[in-house]
All heavy atoms as atom14 arrays in JSON, in Angstrom:
{
  "sequence": "LSCINWNGQNTYYVNSVKGRFTISRDNAKNTVYL",
  "atom14_mask": [
    [1, 1, 1, 1, 1, 1, 1, 1, 0, 0, 0, 0, 0, 0],
    [1, 1, 1, 1, 1, 1, 0, 0, 0, 0, 0, 0, 0, 0],
    [1, 1, 1, 1, 1, 1, 0, 0, 0, 0, 0, 0, 0, 0],
    [1, 1, 1, 1, 1, 1, 1, 1, 0, 0, 0, 0, 0, 0],
    [1, 1, 1, 1, 1, 1, 1, 1, 0, 0, 0, 0, 0, 0],
    [1, 1, 1, 1, 1, 1, 1, 1, 1, 1, 1, 1, 1, 1],
    [1, 1, 1, 1, 1, 1, 1, 1, 0, 0, 0, 0, 0, 0],
    [1, 1, 1, 1, 0, 0, 0, 0, 0, 0, 0, 0, 0, 0],
    [1, 1, 1, 1, 1, 1, 1, 1, 1, 0, 0, 0, 0, 0],
    [1, 1, 1, 1, 1, 1, 1, 1, 0, 0, 0, 0, 0, 0],
    [1, 1, 1, 1, 1, 1, 1, 0, 0, 0, 0, 0, 0, 0],
    [1, 1, 1, 1, 1, 1, 1, 1, 1, 1, 1, 1, 0, 0],
    [1, 1, 1, 1, 1, 1, 1, 1, 1, 1, 1, 1, 0, 0],
    [1, 1, 1, 1, 1, 1, 1, 0, 0, 0, 0, 0, 0, 0],
    [1, 1, 1, 1, 1, 1, 1, 1, 0, 0, 0, 0, 0, 0],
    [1, 1, 1, 1, 1, 1, 0, 0, 0, 0, 0, 0, 0, 0],
    [1, 1, 1, 1, 1, 1, 1, 0, 0, 0, 0, 0, 0, 0],
    [1, 1, 1, 1, 1, 1, 1, 1, 1, 0, 0, 0, 0, 0],
    [1, 1, 1, 1, 0, 0, 0, 0, 0, 0, 0, 0, 0, 0],
    [1, 1, 1, 1, 1, 1, 1, 1, 1, 1, 1, 0, 0, 0],
    [1, 1, 1, 1, 1, 1, 1, 1, 1, 1, 1, 0, 0, 0],
    [1, 1, 1, 1, 1, 1, 1, 0, 0, 0, 0, 0, 0, 0],
    [1, 1, 1, 1, 1, 1, 1, 1, 0, 0, 0, 0, 0, 0],
    [1, 1, 1, 1, 1, 1, 0, 0, 0, 0, 0, 0, 0, 0],
    [1, 1, 1, 1, 1, 1, 1, 1, 1, 1, 1, 0, 0, 0],
    [1, 1, 1, 1, 1, 1, 1, 1, 0, 0, 0, 0, 0, 0],
    [1, 1, 1, 1, 1, 1, 1, 1, 0, 0, 0, 0, 0, 0],
    [1, 1, 1, 1, 1, 0, 0, 0, 0, 0, 0, 0, 0, 0],
    [1, 1, 1, 1, 1, 1, 1, 1, 1, 0, 0, 0, 0, 0],
    [1, 1, 1, 1, 1, 1, 1, 1, 0, 0, 0, 0, 0, 0],
    [1, 1, 1, 1, 1, 1, 1, 0, 0, 0, 0, 0, 0, 0],
    [1, 1, 1, 1, 1, 1, 1, 0, 0, 0, 0, 0, 0, 0],
    [1, 1, 1, 1, 1, 1, 1, 1, 1, 1, 1, 1, 0, 0],
    [1, 1, 1, 1, 1, 1, 1, 1, 0, 0, 0, 0, 0, 0]
  ],
  "atom14_positions": [
    [[117.36, 81.36, 75.83], [117.35, 82.74, 75.34], [118.14, 83.7, 76.23], [118.89, 84.55, 75.72], [115.92, 83.25, 75.23], [114.98, 82.43, 74.36], [113.58, 83.02, 74.42], [115.48, 82.36, 72.94], [0.0, 0.0, 0.0], [0.0, 0.0, 0.0], [0.0, 0.0, 0.0], [0.0, 0.0, 0.0], [0.0, 0.0, 0.0], [0.0, 0.0, 0.0]],
    [[117.93, 83.62, 77.54], [118.48, 84.62, 78.43], [118.52, 84.08, 79.85], [117.61, 83.37, 80.27], [117.62, 85.89, 78.39], [118.16, 86.9, 79.22], [0.0, 0.0, 0.0], [0.0, 0.0, 0.0], [0.0, 0.0, 0.0], [0.0, 0.0, 0.0], [0.0, 0.0, 0.0], [0.0, 0.0, 0.0], [0.0, 0.0, 0.0], [0.0, 0.0, 0.0]],
    [[119.57, 84.42, 80.59], [119.74, 83.96, 81.97], [120.08, 85.14, 82.87], [120.79, 86.07, 82.45], [120.85, 82.91, 82.05], [121.04, 82.14, 83.68], [0.0, 0.0, 0.0], [0.0, 0.0, 0.0], [0.0, 0.0, 0.0], [0.0, 0.0, 0.0], [0.0, 0.0, 0.0], [0.0, 0.0, 0.0], [0.0, 0.0, 0.0], [0.0, 0.0, 0.0]],
    [[119.6, 85.08, 84.11], [119.91, 86.09, 85.12], [120.33, 85.37, 86.39], [119.68, 84.41, 86.82], [118.72, 87.04, 85.34], [119.11, 88.19, 86.28], [117.49, 86.29, 85.86], [118.11, 89.35, 86.23], [0.0, 0.0, 0.0], [0.0, 0.0, 0.0], [0.0, 0.0, 0.0], [0.0, 0.0, 0.0], [0.0, 0.0, 0.0], [0.0, 0.0, 0.0]],
    [[121.45, 85.81, 87.0], [121.95, 85.1, 88.17], [121.16, 85.48, 89.42], [120.24, 86.3, 89.38], [123.46, 85.37, 88.35], [123.76, 86.69, 89.03], [123.22, 87.72, 88.66], [124.64, 86.65, 90.03], [0.0, 0.0, 0.0], [0.0, 0.0, 0.0], [0.0, 0.0, 0.0], [0.0, 0.0, 0.0], [0.0, 0.0, 0.0], [0.0, 0.0, 0.0]],
    [[121.54, 84.9, 90.55], [120.72, 84.94, 91.76], [120.43, 86.35, 92.27], [119.35, 86.59, 92.83], [121.39, 84.12, 92.88], [122.66, 84.73, 93.4], [123.91, 84.6, 92.87], [122.8, 85.56, 94.56], [124.82, 85.3, 93.62], [124.16, 85.9, 94.67], [121.91, 86.04, 95.52], [124.66, 86.7, 95.69], [122.39, 86.84, 96.54], [123.75, 87.16, 96.61]],
    [[121.37, 87.28, 92.11], [121.16, 88.64, 92.62], [120.92, 89.66, 91.51], [120.87, 90.86, 91.77], [122.34, 89.08, 93.48], [123.66, 89.12, 92.73], [123.71, 88.91, 91.52], [124.74, 89.39, 93.45], [0.0, 0.0, 0.0], [0.0, 0.0, 0.0], [0.0, 0.0, 0.0], [0.0, 0.0, 0.0], [0.0, 0.0, 0.0], [0.0, 0.0, 0.0]],
    [[120.76, 89.2, 90.27], [120.5, 90.09, 89.15], [121.7, 90.85, 88.64], [121.54, 91.7, 87.76], [0.0, 0.0, 0.0], [0.0, 0.0, 0.0], [0.0, 0.0, 0.0], [0.0, 0.0, 0.0], [0.0, 0.0, 0.0], [0.0, 0.0, 0.0], [0.0, 0.0, 0.0], [0.0, 0.0, 0.0], [0.0, 0.0, 0.0], [0.0, 0.0, 0.0]],
    [[122.88, 90.58, 89.15], [124.08, 91.32, 88.78], [124.64, 90.91, 87.42], [125.42, 91.67, 86.84], [125.17, 91.15, 89.84], [124.82, 91.74, 91.19], [125.05, 93.23, 91.24], [124.32, 94.01, 90.62], [126.06, 93.65, 91.99], [0.0, 0.0, 0.0], [0.0, 0.0, 0.0], [0.0, 0.0, 0.0], [0.0, 0.0, 0.0], [0.0, 0.0, 0.0]],
    [[124.28, 89.74, 86.93], [124.8, 89.24, 85.67], [123.65, 88.74, 84.81], [122.79, 87.99, 85.28], [125.81, 88.11, 85.89], [126.99, 88.54, 86.74], [127.03, 88.28, 87.94], [127.95, 89.19, 86.11], [0.0, 0.0, 0.0], [0.0, 0.0, 0.0], [0.0, 0.0, 0.0], [0.0, 0.0, 0.0], [0.0, 0.0, 0.0], [0.0, 0.0, 0.0]],
    [[123.65, 89.15, 83.55], [122.66, 88.68, 82.59], [123.35, 88.24, 81.32], [124.43, 88.73, 80.97], [121.63, 89.77, 82.26], [122.3, 90.92, 81.73], [120.84, 90.16, 83.51], [0.0, 0.0, 0.0], [0.0, 0.0, 0.0], [0.0, 0.0, 0.0], [0.0, 0.0, 0.0], [0.0, 0.0, 0.0], [0.0, 0.0, 0.0], [0.0, 0.0, 0.0]],
    [[122.7, 87.32, 80.59], [123.26, 86.73, 79.39], [122.15, 86.56, 78.36], [121.01, 86.29, 78.71], [123.88, 85.36, 79.7], [124.93, 85.41, 80.78], [124.56, 85.33, 82.12], [126.28, 85.56, 80.47], [125.52, 85.4, 83.12], [127.23, 85.63, 81.47], [126.85, 85.55, 82.79], [127.8, 85.62, 83.78], [0.0, 0.0, 0.0], [0.0, 0.0, 0.0]],
    [[122.52, 86.72, 77.07], [121.58, 86.61, 75.98], [122.22, 85.89, 74.81], [123.42, 86.04, 74.55], [121.13, 87.99, 75.49], [120.49, 88.84, 76.54], [121.24, 89.68, 77.35], [119.11, 88.82, 76.72], [120.65, 90.47, 78.32], [118.51, 89.62, 77.68], [119.28, 90.43, 78.47], [118.68, 91.22, 79.44], [0.0, 0.0, 0.0], [0.0, 0.0, 0.0]],
    [[121.42, 85.12, 74.07], [121.87, 84.6, 72.8], [121.69, 85.68, 71.74], [120.91, 86.61, 71.89], [121.13, 83.31, 72.4], [121.47, 82.19, 73.37], [119.63, 83.54, 72.34], [0.0, 0.0, 0.0], [0.0, 0.0, 0.0], [0.0, 0.0, 0.0], [0.0, 0.0, 0.0], [0.0, 0.0, 0.0], [0.0, 0.0, 0.0], [0.0, 0.0, 0.0]],
    [[122.44, 85.55, 70.64], [122.48, 86.61, 69.65], [121.12, 86.89, 69.01], [120.84, 88.03, 68.63], [123.5, 86.28, 68.56], [124.93, 86.4, 69.04], [125.21, 87.11, 70.0], [125.84, 85.73, 68.37], [0.0, 0.0, 0.0], [0.0, 0.0, 0.0], [0.0, 0.0, 0.0], [0.0, 0.0, 0.0], [0.0, 0.0, 0.0], [0.0, 0.0, 0.0]],
    [[120.28, 85.88, 68.9], [119.01, 86.05, 68.21], [118.06, 87.0, 68.94], [117.13, 87.53, 68.32], [118.33, 84.7, 67.98], [118.07, 84.06, 69.22], [0.0, 0.0, 0.0], [0.0, 0.0, 0.0], [0.0, 0.0, 0.0], [0.0, 0.0, 0.0], [0.0, 0.0, 0.0], [0.0, 0.0, 0.0], [0.0, 0.0, 0.0], [0.0, 0.0, 0.0]],
    [[118.27, 87.22, 70.25], [117.39, 88.1, 71.01], [118.12, 89.28, 71.61], [117.47, 90.2, 72.13], [116.63, 87.34, 72.12], [115.88, 86.15, 71.53], [117.58, 86.89, 73.22], [0.0, 0.0, 0.0], [0.0, 0.0, 0.0], [0.0, 0.0, 0.0], [0.0, 0.0, 0.0], [0.0, 0.0, 0.0], [0.0, 0.0, 0.0], [0.0, 0.0, 0.0]],
    [[119.44, 89.32, 71.55], [120.2, 90.41, 72.13], [119.81, 91.73, 71.48], [119.74, 91.84, 70.26], [121.69, 90.16, 71.96], [122.59, 91.14, 72.7], [124.06, 90.76, 72.55], [124.36, 89.43, 73.22], [125.81, 89.09, 73.15], [0.0, 0.0, 0.0], [0.0, 0.0, 0.0], [0.0, 0.0, 0.0], [0.0, 0.0, 0.0], [0.0, 0.0, 0.0]],
    [[119.55, 92.73, 72.31], [119.11, 94.03, 71.82], [117.62, 94.17, 71.67], [117.12, 95.29, 71.51], [0.0, 0.0, 0.0], [0.0, 0.0, 0.0], [0.0, 0.0, 0.0], [0.0, 0.0, 0.0], [0.0, 0.0, 0.0], [0.0, 0.0, 0.0], [0.0, 0.0, 0.0], [0.0, 0.0, 0.0], [0.0, 0.0, 0.0], [0.0, 0.0, 0.0]],
    [[116.88, 93.06, 71.7], [115.42, 93.09, 71.6], [114.74, 92.65, 72.9], [113.7, 93.2, 73.26], [114.94, 92.18, 70.47], [115.43, 92.59, 69.1], [114.71, 91.8, 68.0], [114.96, 90.36, 68.1], [114.0, 89.44, 68.21], [112.72, 89.81, 68.23], [114.32, 88.15, 68.28], [0.0, 0.0, 0.0], [0.0, 0.0, 0.0], [0.0, 0.0, 0.0]],
    [[115.32, 91.66, 73.58], [114.74, 91.12, 74.81], [115.58, 91.55, 76.0], [116.81, 91.64, 75.9], [114.7, 89.59, 74.78], [113.77, 88.98, 73.76], [113.09, 89.75, 72.83], [113.57, 87.61, 73.75], [112.24, 89.19, 71.89], [112.73, 87.02, 72.83], [112.06, 87.81, 71.9], [0.0, 0.0, 0.0], [0.0, 0.0, 0.0], [0.0, 0.0, 0.0]],
    [[114.93, 91.77, 77.15], [115.61, 92.14, 78.38], [115.08, 91.31, 79.54], [113.87, 91.27, 79.77], [115.42, 93.63, 78.7], [115.9, 94.43, 77.62], [116.18, 94.01, 79.97], [0.0, 0.0, 0.0], [0.0, 0.0, 0.0], [0.0, 0.0, 0.0], [0.0, 0.0, 0.0], [0.0, 0.0, 0.0], [0.0, 0.0, 0.0], [0.0, 0.0, 0.0]],
    [[115.99, 90.65, 80.26], [115.61, 89.87, 81.43], [115.86, 90.7, 82.69], [116.82, 91.47, 82.77], [116.39, 88.53, 81.48], [115.78, 87.58, 82.5], [117.87, 88.75, 81.75], [116.33, 86.16, 82.42], [0.0, 0.0, 0.0], [0.0, 0.0, 0.0], [0.0, 0.0, 0.0], [0.0, 0.0, 0.0], [0.0, 0.0, 0.0], [0.0, 0.0, 0.0]],
    [[114.98, 90.55, 83.68], [115.14, 91.23, 84.95], [114.48, 90.41, 86.04], [113.76, 89.44, 85.76], [114.55, 92.65, 84.9], [113.17, 92.61, 84.63], [0.0, 0.0, 0.0], [0.0, 0.0, 0.0], [0.0, 0.0, 0.0], [0.0, 0.0, 0.0], [0.0, 0.0, 0.0], [0.0, 0.0, 0.0], [0.0, 0.0, 0.0], [0.0, 0.0, 0.0]],
    [[114.72, 90.79, 87.31], [114.09, 90.05, 88.4], [113.82, 90.99, 89.57], [114.51, 92.0, 89.76], [114.94, 88.86, 88.85], [116.26, 89.22, 89.52], [117.13, 87.98, 89.72], [116.56, 87.05, 90.68], [116.93, 85.78, 90.83], [117.88, 85.28, 90.03], [116.36, 85.01, 91.74], [0.0, 0.0, 0.0], [0.0, 0.0, 0.0], [0.0, 0.0, 0.0]],
    [[112.82, 90.62, 90.37], [112.48, 91.32, 91.59], [112.39, 90.25, 92.67], [111.37, 89.57, 92.79], [111.17, 92.08, 91.44], [110.83, 92.92, 92.65], [111.4, 92.68, 93.74], [110.0, 93.84, 92.52], [0.0, 0.0, 0.0], [0.0, 0.0, 0.0], [0.0, 0.0, 0.0], [0.0, 0.0, 0.0], [0.0, 0.0, 0.0], [0.0, 0.0, 0.0]],
    [[113.45, 90.1, 93.46], [113.49, 89.02, 94.45], [112.46, 89.21, 95.55], [111.99, 88.23, 96.13], [114.89, 88.91, 95.05], [115.89, 88.29, 94.1], [115.54, 87.88, 92.99], [117.14, 88.22, 94.51], [0.0, 0.0, 0.0], [0.0, 0.0, 0.0], [0.0, 0.0, 0.0], [0.0, 0.0, 0.0], [0.0, 0.0, 0.0], [0.0, 0.0, 0.0]],
    [[112.1, 90.45, 95.85], [111.06, 90.7, 96.85], [109.71, 90.16, 96.41], [108.87, 89.85, 97.26], [110.96, 92.19, 97.16], [0.0, 0.0, 0.0], [0.0, 0.0, 0.0], [0.0, 0.0, 0.0], [0.0, 0.0, 0.0], [0.0, 0.0, 0.0], [0.0, 0.0, 0.0], [0.0, 0.0, 0.0], [0.0, 0.0, 0.0], [0.0, 0.0, 0.0]],
    [[109.48, 90.06, 95.11], [108.23, 89.54, 94.56], [108.37, 88.12, 94.03], [107.41, 87.6, 93.47], [107.72, 90.46, 93.45], [107.36, 91.85, 93.92], [106.84, 92.7, 92.77], [106.45, 94.08, 93.25], [105.95, 94.92, 92.13], [0.0, 0.0, 0.0], [0.0, 0.0, 0.0], [0.0, 0.0, 0.0], [0.0, 0.0, 0.0], [0.0, 0.0, 0.0]],
    [[109.53, 87.51, 94.18], [109.79, 86.16, 93.67], [109.44, 86.05, 92.19], [108.79, 85.09, 91.75], [109.01, 85.11, 94.47], [109.57, 84.89, 95.86], [110.56, 85.49, 96.26], [108.93, 84.0, 96.61], [0.0, 0.0, 0.0], [0.0, 0.0, 0.0], [0.0, 0.0, 0.0], [0.0, 0.0, 0.0], [0.0, 0.0, 0.0], [0.0, 0.0, 0.0]],
    [[109.88, 87.03, 91.4], [109.44, 87.14, 90.02], [110.61, 87.45, 89.09], [111.48, 88.25, 89.41], [108.37, 88.23, 89.89], [107.24, 87.88, 90.69], [107.91, 88.38, 88.45], [0.0, 0.0, 0.0], [0.0, 0.0, 0.0], [0.0, 0.0, 0.0], [0.0, 0.0, 0.0], [0.0, 0.0, 0.0], [0.0, 0.0, 0.0], [0.0, 0.0, 0.0]],
    [[110.6, 86.81, 87.91], [111.51, 87.08, 86.82], [110.69, 87.54, 85.63], [109.6, 87.01, 85.37], [112.33, 85.83, 86.45], [113.25, 86.12, 85.27], [113.15, 85.35, 87.64], [0.0, 0.0, 0.0], [0.0, 0.0, 0.0], [0.0, 0.0, 0.0], [0.0, 0.0, 0.0], [0.0, 0.0, 0.0], [0.0, 0.0, 0.0], [0.0, 0.0, 0.0]],
    [[111.22, 88.52, 84.88], [110.52, 89.08, 83.73], [111.35, 88.88, 82.46], [112.58, 88.8, 82.5], [110.28, 90.58, 83.91], [109.53, 90.94, 85.16], [110.21, 91.35, 86.3], [108.14, 90.88, 85.2], [109.52, 91.68, 87.46], [107.45, 91.22, 86.35], [108.14, 91.62, 87.47], [107.45, 91.95, 88.62], [0.0, 0.0, 0.0], [0.0, 0.0, 0.0]],
    [[110.65, 88.84, 81.34], [111.29, 88.92, 80.03], [110.52, 89.94, 79.2], [109.4, 89.68, 78.77], [111.32, 87.57, 79.32], [112.11, 87.56, 78.01], [113.6, 87.74, 78.28], [111.86, 86.27, 77.23], [0.0, 0.0, 0.0], [0.0, 0.0, 0.0], [0.0, 0.0, 0.0], [0.0, 0.0, 0.0], [0.0, 0.0, 0.0], [0.0, 0.0, 0.0]]
  ]
}
């Protein structure tokens, strides 16, 4: 569905979720969100 690179600078989405889903990360918390 969605990918985020190591520093959060690049994100990718497939068309079926683009505009509806958002990926993010907080490296200080060792956590990725959708």
